[in-house]
Amino acid sequence: MADWLKIAIKTGLIIVIMVALWLCFTQIQLPPADFSILSSTGTILAVINFYCPVFLVVLAMAFGLFGIELALLSFRLVMMAVRWLMKVNE
């Protein structure tokens, strides 16, 4: 395959990915969040904290680990995309 064709394909892929990211972050409208169910959350957490004081620490750790897991998954997907884009240039 000619070098100019490889460069054109790679540039086209980069443009398509950038446009897709732009569409995801600017054009997709999310509905407004409804937090009416959270009106009694403070009371529930207070009761749980009274009977099981360690629960809030475990809950915070679970959310932290979930965030780390999401970060690692997204990093893995980005690295797969970069590897796939670099394959085009071979």
PDB file of N, CA and C in Angstrom:
ATOM      1  N   MET A   1       0.846  -1.172   0.000  1.00  0.00           N
ATOM      2  CA  MET A   1       0.000   0.000   0.000  1.00  0.00           C
ATOM      3  C   MET A   1       0.897   1.243   0.000  1.00  0.00           C
ATOM      4  N   ALA A   2       0.510   2.243  -0.730  1.00  0.00           N
ATOM      5  CA  ALA A   2       1.316   3.454  -0.855  1.00  0.00           C
ATOM      6  C   ALA A   2       1.315   4.228   0.466  1.00  0.00           C
ATOM      7  N   ASP A   3       2.428   4.911   0.711  1.00  0.00           N
ATOM      8  CA  ASP A   3       2.546   5.674   1.957  1.00  0.00           C
ATOM      9  C   ASP A   3       1.506   6.776   2.047  1.00  0.00           C
ATOM     10  N   TRP A   4       1.217   7.450   0.940  1.00  0.00           N
ATOM     11  CA  TRP A   4       0.246   8.542   0.983  1.00  0.00           C
ATOM     12  C   TRP A   4      -1.143   8.014   1.321  1.00  0.00           C
ATOM     13  N   LEU A   5      -1.453   6.786   0.900  1.00  0.00           N
ATOM     14  CA  LEU A   5      -2.757   6.199   1.205  1.00  0.00           C
ATOM     15  C   LEU A   5      -2.851   5.841   2.688  1.00  0.00           C
ATOM     16  N   LYS A   6      -1.768   5.336   3.256  1.00  0.00           N
ATOM     17  CA  LYS A   6      -1.748   5.035   4.692  1.00  0.00           C
ATOM     18  C   LYS A   6      -1.959   6.291   5.522  1.00  0.00           C
ATOM     19  N   ILE A   7      -1.273   7.352   5.125  1.00  0.00           N
ATOM     20  CA  ILE A   7      -1.402   8.612   5.855  1.00  0.00           C
ATOM     21  C   ILE A   7      -2.823   9.163   5.725  1.00  0.00           C
ATOM     22  N   ALA A   8      -3.398   9.050   4.546  1.00  0.00           N
ATOM     23  CA  ALA A   8      -4.763   9.532   4.343  1.00  0.00           C
ATOM     24  C   ALA A   8      -5.768   8.738   5.168  1.00  0.00           C
ATOM     25  N   ILE A   9      -5.608   7.424   5.221  1.00  0.00           N
ATOM     26  CA  ILE A   9      -6.517   6.586   6.006  1.00  0.00           C
ATOM     27  C   ILE A   9      -6.381   6.908   7.495  1.00  0.00           C
ATOM     28  N   LYS A  10      -5.155   7.052   7.960  1.00  0.00           N
ATOM     29  CA  LYS A  10      -4.934   7.362   9.376  1.00  0.00           C
ATOM     30  C   LYS A  10      -5.515   8.731   9.730  1.00  0.00           C
ATOM     31  N   THR A  11      -5.310   9.709   8.879  1.00  0.00           N
ATOM     32  CA  THR A  11      -5.867  11.036   9.121  1.00  0.00           C
ATOM     33  C   THR A  11      -7.394  10.986   9.120  1.00  0.00           C
ATOM     34  N   GLY A  12      -7.960  10.238   8.207  1.00  0.00           N
ATOM     35  CA  GLY A  12      -9.418  10.089   8.168  1.00  0.00           C
ATOM     36  C   GLY A  12      -9.962   9.438   9.419  1.00  0.00           C
ATOM     37  N   LEU A  13      -9.279   8.413   9.910  1.00  0.00           N
ATOM     38  CA  LEU A  13      -9.715   7.765  11.141  1.00  0.00           C
ATOM     39  C   LEU A  13      -9.642   8.711  12.333  1.00  0.00           C
ATOM     40  N   ILE A  14      -8.591   9.492  12.397  1.00  0.00           N
ATOM     41  CA  ILE A  14      -8.454  10.448  13.495  1.00  0.00           C
ATOM     42  C   ILE A  14      -9.575  11.482  13.431  1.00  0.00           C
ATOM     43  N   ILE A  15      -9.897  11.954  12.239  1.00  0.00           N
ATOM     44  CA  ILE A  15     -10.981  12.928  12.094  1.00  0.00           C
ATOM     45  C   ILE A  15     -12.313  12.320  12.507  1.00  0.00           C
ATOM     46  N   VAL A  16     -12.576  11.088  12.099  1.00  0.00           N
ATOM     47  CA  VAL A  16     -13.837  10.429  12.462  1.00  0.00           C
ATOM     48  C   VAL A  16     -13.933  10.255  13.975  1.00  0.00           C
ATOM     49  N   ILE A  17     -12.854   9.852  14.630  1.00  0.00           N
ATOM     50  CA  ILE A  17     -12.873   9.669  16.080  1.00  0.00           C
ATOM     51  C   ILE A  17     -13.070  11.005  16.791  1.00  0.00           C
ATOM     52  N   MET A  18     -12.405  12.051  16.316  1.00  0.00           N
ATOM     53  CA  MET A  18     -12.563  13.365  16.940  1.00  0.00           C
ATOM     54  C   MET A  18     -13.989  13.893  16.777  1.00  0.00           C
ATOM     55  N   VAL A  19     -14.586  13.694  15.610  1.00  0.00           N
ATOM     56  CA  VAL A  19     -15.971  14.133  15.398  1.00  0.00           C
ATOM     57  C   VAL A  19     -16.919  13.331  16.291  1.00  0.00           C
ATOM     58  N   ALA A  20     -16.672  12.033  16.437  1.00  0.00           N
ATOM     59  CA  ALA A  20     -17.516  11.213  17.297  1.00  0.00           C
ATOM     60  C   ALA A  20     -17.418  11.676  18.750  1.00  0.00           C
ATOM     61  N   LEU A  21     -16.202  11.976  19.211  1.00  0.00           N
ATOM     62  CA  LEU A  21     -16.041  12.492  20.569  1.00  0.00           C
ATOM     63  C   LEU A  21     -16.729  13.834  20.737  1.00  0.00           C
ATOM     64  N   TRP A  22     -16.602  14.695  19.749  1.00  0.00           N
ATOM     65  CA  TRP A  22     -17.253  15.996  19.813  1.00  0.00           C
ATOM     66  C   TRP A  22     -18.769  15.825  19.893  1.00  0.00           C
ATOM     67  N   LEU A  23     -19.323  14.914  19.099  1.00  0.00           N
ATOM     68  CA  LEU A  23     -20.765  14.669  19.141  1.00  0.00           C
ATOM     69  C   LEU A  23     -21.192  14.124  20.493  1.00  0.00           C
ATOM     70  N   CYS A  24     -20.386  13.226  21.063  1.00  0.00           N
ATOM     71  CA  CYS A  24     -20.743  12.646  22.363  1.00  0.00           C
ATOM     72  C   CYS A  24     -20.782  13.705  23.454  1.00  0.00           C
ATOM     73  N   PHE A  25     -19.825  14.616  23.437  1.00  0.00           N
ATOM     74  CA  PHE A  25     -19.719  15.572  24.529  1.00  0.00           C
ATOM     75  C   PHE A  25     -20.525  16.851  24.329  1.00  0.00           C
ATOM     76  N   THR A  26     -20.955  17.157  23.103  1.00  0.00           N
ATOM     77  CA  THR A  26     -21.655  18.423  22.905  1.00  0.00           C
ATOM     78  C   THR A  26     -23.083  18.269  22.401  1.00  0.00           C
ATOM     79  N   GLN A  27     -23.385  17.248  21.659  1.00  0.00           N
ATOM     80  CA  GLN A  27     -24.683  17.177  21.007  1.00  0.00           C
ATOM     81  C   GLN A  27     -25.680  16.249  21.695  1.00  0.00           C
ATOM     82  N   ILE A  28     -25.215  15.305  22.483  1.00  0.00           N
ATOM     83  CA  ILE A  28     -26.131  14.374  23.149  1.00  0.00           C
ATOM     84  C   ILE A  28     -26.710  15.056  24.378  1.00  0.00           C
ATOM     85  N   GLN A  29     -28.017  15.140  24.441  1.00  0.00           N
ATOM     86  CA  GLN A  29     -28.695  15.805  25.549  1.00  0.00           C
ATOM     87  C   GLN A  29     -29.130  14.766  26.575  1.00  0.00           C
ATOM     88  N   LEU A  30     -28.787  15.013  27.818  1.00  0.00           N
ATOM     89  CA  LEU A  30     -29.195  14.129  28.900  1.00  0.00           C
ATOM     90  C   LEU A  30     -30.425  14.711  29.590  1.00  0.00           C
ATOM     91  N   PRO A  31     -31.361  13.867  29.988  1.00  0.00           N
ATOM     92  CA  PRO A  31     -32.531  14.398  30.700  1.00  0.00           C
ATOM     93  C   PRO A  31     -32.116  14.898  32.081  1.00  0.00           C
ATOM     94  N   PRO A  32     -32.877  15.841  32.628  1.00  0.00           N
ATOM     95  CA  PRO A  32     -32.532  16.344  33.964  1.00  0.00           C
ATOM     96  C   PRO A  32     -32.665  15.247  35.018  1.00  0.00           C
ATOM     97  N   ALA A  33     -31.772  15.265  35.979  1.00  0.00           N
ATOM     98  CA  ALA A  33     -31.776  14.236  37.022  1.00  0.00           C
ATOM     99  C   ALA A  33     -32.863  14.537  38.040  1.00  0.00           C
ATOM    100  N   ASP A  34     -33.505  13.488  38.534  1.00  0.00           N
ATOM    101  CA  ASP A  34     -34.560  13.615  39.542  1.00  0.00           C
ATOM    102  C   ASP A  34     -34.025  13.074  40.858  1.00  0.00           C
ATOM    103  N   PHE A  35     -33.781  13.968  41.809  1.00  0.00           N
ATOM    104  CA  PHE A  35     -33.222  13.577  43.092  1.00  0.00           C
ATOM    105  C   PHE A  35     -34.268  13.534  44.200  1.00  0.00           C
ATOM    106  N   SER A  36     -35.527  13.402  43.860  1.00  0.00           N
ATOM    107  CA  SER A  36     -36.561  13.401  44.887  1.00  0.00           C
ATOM    108  C   SER A  36     -36.472  12.163  45.783  1.00  0.00           C
ATOM    109  N   ILE A  37     -35.914  11.071  45.284  1.00  0.00           N
ATOM    110  CA  ILE A  37     -35.787   9.857  46.089  1.00  0.00           C
ATOM    111  C   ILE A  37     -34.727  10.026  47.180  1.00  0.00           C
ATOM    112  N   LEU A  38     -33.845  11.001  47.028  1.00  0.00           N
ATOM    113  CA  LEU A  38     -32.757  11.190  47.980  1.00  0.00           C
ATOM    114  C   LEU A  38     -33.139  12.059  49.178  1.00  0.00           C
ATOM    115  N   SER A  39     -34.410  12.373  49.329  1.00  0.00           N
ATOM    116  CA  SER A  39     -34.802  13.243  50.439  1.00  0.00           C
ATOM    117  C   SER A  39     -34.626  12.556  51.793  1.00  0.00           C
ATOM    118  N   SER A  40     -34.696  11.250  51.844  1.00  0.00           N
ATOM    119  CA  SER A  40     -34.535  10.539  53.114  1.00  0.00           C
ATOM    120  C   SER A  40     -33.182   9.838  53.214  1.00  0.00           C
ATOM    121  N   THR A  41     -32.270  10.157  52.345  1.00  0.00           N
ATOM    122  CA  THR A  41     -30.973   9.494  52.354  1.00  0.00           C
ATOM    123  C   THR A  41     -30.196   9.785  53.630  1.00  0.00           C
ATOM    124  N   GLY A  42     -30.274  11.010  54.123  1.00  0.00           N
ATOM    125  CA  GLY A  42     -29.575  11.362  55.365  1.00  0.00           C
ATOM    126  C   GLY A  42     -30.044  10.531  56.535  1.00  0.00           C
ATOM    127  N   THR A  43     -31.350  10.327  56.644  1.00  0.00           N
ATOM    128  CA  THR A  43     -31.904   9.512  57.729  1.00  0.00           C
ATOM    129  C   THR A  43     -31.459   8.061  57.599  1.00  0.00           C
ATOM    130  N   ILE A  44     -31.505   7.548  56.388  1.00  0.00           N
ATOM    131  CA  ILE A  44     -31.087   6.155  56.163  1.00  0.00           C
ATOM    132  C   ILE A  44     -29.620   5.974  56.513  1.00  0.00           C
ATOM    133  N   LEU A  45     -28.771   6.913  56.079  1.00  0.00           N
ATOM    134  CA  LEU A  45     -27.345   6.804  56.395  1.00  0.00           C
ATOM    135  C   LEU A  45     -27.082   6.949  57.889  1.00  0.00           C
ATOM    136  N   ALA A  46     -27.865   7.779  58.571  1.00  0.00           N
ATOM    137  CA  ALA A  46     -27.697   7.929  60.017  1.00  0.00           C
ATOM    138  C   ALA A  46     -28.052   6.629  60.750  1.00  0.00           C
ATOM    139  N   VAL A  47     -29.127   5.974  60.337  1.00  0.00           N
ATOM    140  CA  VAL A  47     -29.522   4.703  60.966  1.00  0.00           C
ATOM    141  C   VAL A  47     -28.470   3.630  60.686  1.00  0.00           C
ATOM    142  N   ILE A  48     -27.992   3.554  59.450  1.00  0.00           N
ATOM    143  CA  ILE A  48     -26.966   2.569  59.110  1.00  0.00           C
ATOM    144  C   ILE A  48     -25.692   2.848  59.897  1.00  0.00           C
ATOM    145  N   ASN A  49     -25.318   4.127  60.018  1.00  0.00           N
ATOM    146  CA  ASN A  49     -24.114   4.491  60.757  1.00  0.00           C
ATOM    147  C   ASN A  49     -24.253   4.160  62.247  1.00  0.00           C
ATOM    148  N   PHE A  50     -25.467   4.241  62.787  1.00  0.00           N
ATOM    149  CA  PHE A  50     -25.680   3.912  64.192  1.00  0.00           C
ATOM    150  C   PHE A  50     -25.490   2.416  64.444  1.00  0.00           C
ATOM    151  N   TYR A  51     -26.042   1.583  63.562  1.00  0.00           N
ATOM    152  CA  TYR A  51     -25.975   0.141  63.768  1.00  0.00           C
ATOM    153  C   TYR A  51     -24.703  -0.496  63.210  1.00  0.00           C
ATOM    154  N   CYS A  52     -24.117   0.090  62.196  1.00  0.00           N
ATOM    155  CA  CYS A  52     -22.894  -0.451  61.580  1.00  0.00           C
ATOM    156  C   CYS A  52     -21.982   0.712  61.202  1.00  0.00           C
ATOM    157  N   PRO A  53     -21.175   1.188  62.144  1.00  0.00           N
ATOM    158  CA  PRO A  53     -20.376   2.387  61.889  1.00  0.00           C
ATOM    159  C   PRO A  53     -19.340   2.235  60.772  1.00  0.00           C
ATOM    160  N   VAL A  54     -18.955   1.030  60.455  1.00  0.00           N
ATOM    161  CA  VAL A  54     -17.924   0.808  59.441  1.00  0.00           C
ATOM    162  C   VAL A  54     -18.505   0.898  58.032  1.00  0.00           C
ATOM    163  N   PHE A  55     -19.820   0.874  57.904  1.00  0.00           N
ATOM    164  CA  PHE A  55     -20.456   0.821  56.593  1.00  0.00           C
ATOM    165  C   PHE A  55     -20.094   2.023  55.726  1.00  0.00           C
ATOM    166  N   LEU A  56     -20.041   3.213  56.296  1.00  0.00           N
ATOM    167  CA  LEU A  56     -19.736   4.401  55.497  1.00  0.00           C
ATOM    168  C   LEU A  56     -18.313   4.357  54.954  1.00  0.00           C
ATOM    169  N   VAL A  57     -17.383   3.786  55.722  1.00  0.00           N
ATOM    170  CA  VAL A  57     -16.012   3.632  55.235  1.00  0.00           C
ATOM    171  C   VAL A  57     -15.976   2.627  54.087  1.00  0.00           C
ATOM    172  N   VAL A  58     -16.696   1.531  54.259  1.00  0.00           N
ATOM    173  CA  VAL A  58     -16.752   0.507  53.204  1.00  0.00           C
ATOM    174  C   VAL A  58     -17.415   1.082  51.958  1.00  0.00           C
ATOM    175  N   LEU A  59     -18.464   1.885  52.133  1.00  0.00           N
ATOM    176  CA  LEU A  59     -19.148   2.492  50.997  1.00  0.00           C
ATOM    177  C   LEU A  59     -18.227   3.457  50.255  1.00  0.00           C
ATOM    178  N   ALA A  60     -17.478   4.272  50.994  1.00  0.00           N
ATOM    179  CA  ALA A  60     -16.535   5.199  50.360  1.00  0.00           C
ATOM    180  C   ALA A  60     -15.439   4.436  49.623  1.00  0.00           C
ATOM    181  N   MET A  61     -14.941   3.362  50.214  1.00  0.00           N
ATOM    182  CA  MET A  61     -13.916   2.557  49.541  1.00  0.00           C
ATOM    183  C   MET A  61     -14.478   1.890  48.289  1.00  0.00           C
ATOM    184  N   ALA A  62     -15.725   1.424  48.352  1.00  0.00           N
ATOM    185  CA  ALA A  62     -16.336   0.782  47.190  1.00  0.00           C
ATOM    186  C   ALA A  62     -16.472   1.772  46.036  1.00  0.00           C
ATOM    187  N   PHE A  63     -16.916   2.995  46.338  1.00  0.00           N
ATOM    188  CA  PHE A  63     -17.017   4.000  45.284  1.00  0.00           C
ATOM    189  C   PHE A  63     -15.646   4.367  44.734  1.00  0.00           C
ATOM    190  N   GLY A  64     -14.643   4.457  45.589  1.00  0.00           N
ATOM    191  CA  GLY A  64     -13.293   4.753  45.132  1.00  0.00           C
ATOM    192  C   GLY A  64     -12.747   3.665  44.233  1.00  0.00           C
ATOM    193  N   LEU A  65     -12.932   2.411  44.636  1.00  0.00           N
ATOM    194  CA  LEU A  65     -12.466   1.298  43.811  1.00  0.00           C
ATOM    195  C   LEU A  65     -13.218   1.213  42.490  1.00  0.00           C
ATOM    196  N   PHE A  66     -14.511   1.551  42.520  1.00  0.00           N
ATOM    197  CA  PHE A  66     -15.296   1.570  41.288  1.00  0.00           C
ATOM    198  C   PHE A  66     -14.772   2.648  40.345  1.00  0.00           C
ATOM    199  N   GLY A  67     -14.403   3.804  40.875  1.00  0.00           N
ATOM    200  CA  GLY A  67     -13.826   4.860  40.052  1.00  0.00           C
ATOM    201  C   GLY A  67     -12.498   4.446  39.448  1.00  0.00           C
ATOM    202  N   ILE A  68     -11.670   3.775  40.244  1.00  0.00           N
ATOM    203  CA  ILE A  68     -10.387   3.285  39.729  1.00  0.00           C
ATOM    204  C   ILE A  68     -10.616   2.241  38.645  1.00  0.00           C
ATOM    205  N   GLU A  69     -11.573   1.372  38.843  1.00  0.00           N
ATOM    206  CA  GLU A  69     -11.896   0.349  37.841  1.00  0.00           C
ATOM    207  C   GLU A  69     -12.356   0.984  36.531  1.00  0.00           C
ATOM    208  N   LEU A  70     -13.203   2.022  36.627  1.00  0.00           N
ATOM    209  CA  LEU A  70     -13.644   2.718  35.417  1.00  0.00           C
ATOM    210  C   LEU A  70     -12.483   3.412  34.720  1.00  0.00           C
ATOM    211  N   ALA A  71     -11.575   4.003  35.495  1.00  0.00           N
ATOM    212  CA  ALA A  71     -10.417   4.667  34.908  1.00  0.00           C
ATOM    213  C   ALA A  71      -9.530   3.659  34.190  1.00  0.00           C
ATOM    214  N   LEU A  72      -9.300   2.504  34.788  1.00  0.00           N
ATOM    215  CA  LEU A  72      -8.469   1.474  34.147  1.00  0.00           C
ATOM    216  C   LEU A  72      -9.134   0.913  32.897  1.00  0.00           C
ATOM    217  N   LEU A  73     -10.449   0.726  32.942  1.00  0.00           N
ATOM    218  CA  LEU A  73     -11.163   0.223  31.776  1.00  0.00           C
ATOM    219  C   LEU A  73     -11.104   1.229  30.632  1.00  0.00           C
ATOM    220  N   SER A  74     -11.316   2.499  30.940  1.00  0.00           N
ATOM    221  CA  SER A  74     -11.255   3.502  29.880  1.00  0.00           C
ATOM    222  C   SER A  74      -9.837   3.630  29.332  1.00  0.00           C
ATOM    223  N   PHE A  75      -8.819   3.536  30.195  1.00  0.00           N
ATOM    224  CA  PHE A  75      -7.435   3.579  29.724  1.00  0.00           C
ATOM    225  C   PHE A  75      -7.150   2.399  28.797  1.00  0.00           C
ATOM    226  N   ARG A  76      -7.647   1.235  29.159  1.00  0.00           N
ATOM    227  CA  ARG A  76      -7.442   0.045  28.325  1.00  0.00           C
ATOM    228  C   ARG A  76      -8.102   0.212  26.955  1.00  0.00           C
ATOM    229  N   LEU A  77      -9.317   0.754  26.941  1.00  0.00           N
ATOM    230  CA  LEU A  77     -10.000   0.966  25.666  1.00  0.00           C
ATOM    231  C   LEU A  77      -9.284   2.003  24.804  1.00  0.00           C
ATOM    232  N   VAL A  78      -8.770   3.051  25.431  1.00  0.00           N
ATOM    233  CA  VAL A  78      -8.030   4.064  24.674  1.00  0.00           C
ATOM    234  C   VAL A  78      -6.746   3.473  24.111  1.00  0.00           C
ATOM    235  N   MET A  79      -6.058   2.661  24.898  1.00  0.00           N
ATOM    236  CA  MET A  79      -4.825   2.048  24.394  1.00  0.00           C
ATOM    237  C   MET A  79      -5.118   1.077  23.250  1.00  0.00           C
ATOM    238  N   MET A  80      -6.246   0.373  23.302  1.00  0.00           N
ATOM    239  CA  MET A  80      -6.630  -0.495  22.186  1.00  0.00           C
ATOM    240  C   MET A  80      -6.894   0.330  20.933  1.00  0.00           C
ATOM    241  N   ALA A  81      -7.553   1.481  21.101  1.00  0.00           N
ATOM    242  CA  ALA A  81      -7.834   2.344  19.947  1.00  0.00           C
ATOM    243  C   ALA A  81      -6.537   2.904  19.365  1.00  0.00           C
ATOM    244  N   VAL A  82      -5.612   3.298  20.224  1.00  0.00           N
ATOM    245  CA  VAL A  82      -4.334   3.826  19.736  1.00  0.00           C
ATOM    246  C   VAL A  82      -3.557   2.736  19.005  1.00  0.00           C
ATOM    247  N   ARG A  83      -3.542   1.532  19.560  1.00  0.00           N
ATOM    248  CA  ARG A  83      -2.848   0.428  18.899  1.00  0.00           C
ATOM    249  C   ARG A  83      -3.475   0.128  17.537  1.00  0.00           C
ATOM    250  N   TRP A  84      -4.817   0.199  17.486  1.00  0.00           N
ATOM    251  CA  TRP A  84      -5.525  -0.049  16.225  1.00  0.00           C
ATOM    252  C   TRP A  84      -5.192   1.033  15.200  1.00  0.00           C
ATOM    253  N   LEU A  85      -5.111   2.292  15.658  1.00  0.00           N
ATOM    254  CA  LEU A  85      -4.754   3.371  14.738  1.00  0.00           C
ATOM    255  C   LEU A  85      -3.313   3.232  14.244  1.00  0.00           C
ATOM    256  N   MET A  86      -2.430   2.791  15.113  1.00  0.00           N
ATOM    257  CA  MET A  86      -1.036   2.636  14.710  1.00  0.00           C
ATOM    258  C   MET A  86      -0.854   1.467  13.748  1.00  0.00           C
ATOM    259  N   LYS A  87      -1.755   0.480  13.791  1.00  0.00           N
ATOM    260  CA  LYS A  87      -1.690  -0.644  12.854  1.00  0.00           C
ATOM    261  C   LYS A  87      -1.896  -0.166  11.429  1.00  0.00           C
ATOM    262  N   VAL A  88      -2.688   0.915  11.270  1.00  0.00           N
ATOM    263  CA  VAL A  88      -2.972   1.421   9.929  1.00  0.00           C
ATOM    264  C   VAL A  88      -1.689   1.911   9.272  1.00  0.00           C
ATOM    265  N   ASN A  89      -0.760   2.397  10.065  1.00  0.00           N
ATOM    266  CA  ASN A  89       0.455   2.997   9.517  1.00  0.00           C
ATOM    267  C   ASN A  89       1.527   1.951   9.188  1.00  0.00           C
ATOM    268  N   GLU A  90       1.280   0.695   9.438  1.00  0.00           N
ATOM    269  CA  GLU A  90       2.298  -0.337   9.147  1.00  0.00           C
ATOM    270  C   GLU A  90       2.429  -0.602   7.675  1.00  0.00           C
TER     271      GLU A  90
END
